[in-house]
Amino acid sequence: MAVTININGKDETIDAAPGTPLLWVLRDHLQMTGTKFGCGVAQCGACTVHLDGEPVRSCSIPHDALDGGKVTTIEGKEGKAAKAIRDAWVNLNVPQCGYCQSGQIMSAVALLEANPKPSDQDIDDAMSGNLCRCATYMSIRRAIKQAAASL
């Protein structure tokens, strides 16, 4: 059964096996590889996208549950908060291996869209579901603070 999902502002009709996670629809069906596979059980945050404006783990959401949903990926995320976060990430050279960074960025942007002046605790809470094997957590926090200050 085909479902229609709005992805980055464009309606996409997806005909994939029932229960196929959104992550694999994005990567395998639509060749949108910015969203990464990490753990497959919604624990690491590498696959974070926005669903109706909220950060979610795309590895754990069946695509066929999203008929009519609005998904934004790292490729399509725009706006003041997204620009501020990307600029801060570059200015502070946040990524090391870079694998988790699209998920980190998507969570950070969601935080600043909801709370443009986050405290350290707000940042820790919003980013707690995103793991980084290179341990760039302090750089990520500095980048979020820099981005918030630029808003």
Foldseek 3Di string as FASTA:
>chain_A
DWAWEAELNRTDIDDDPWQQFQLCCVCPVVVNPCQDDDPLPLQAQSRWKAKVLHTGRRSRHTPVVQRHIYIYFLVRDDDLLLVLLVVLCVVLVQDDPCSSVRRLSNLLSSLCVVPLQDDPVSSCVSCVRHDDPVPSVVSSSVSSNRSSVVD
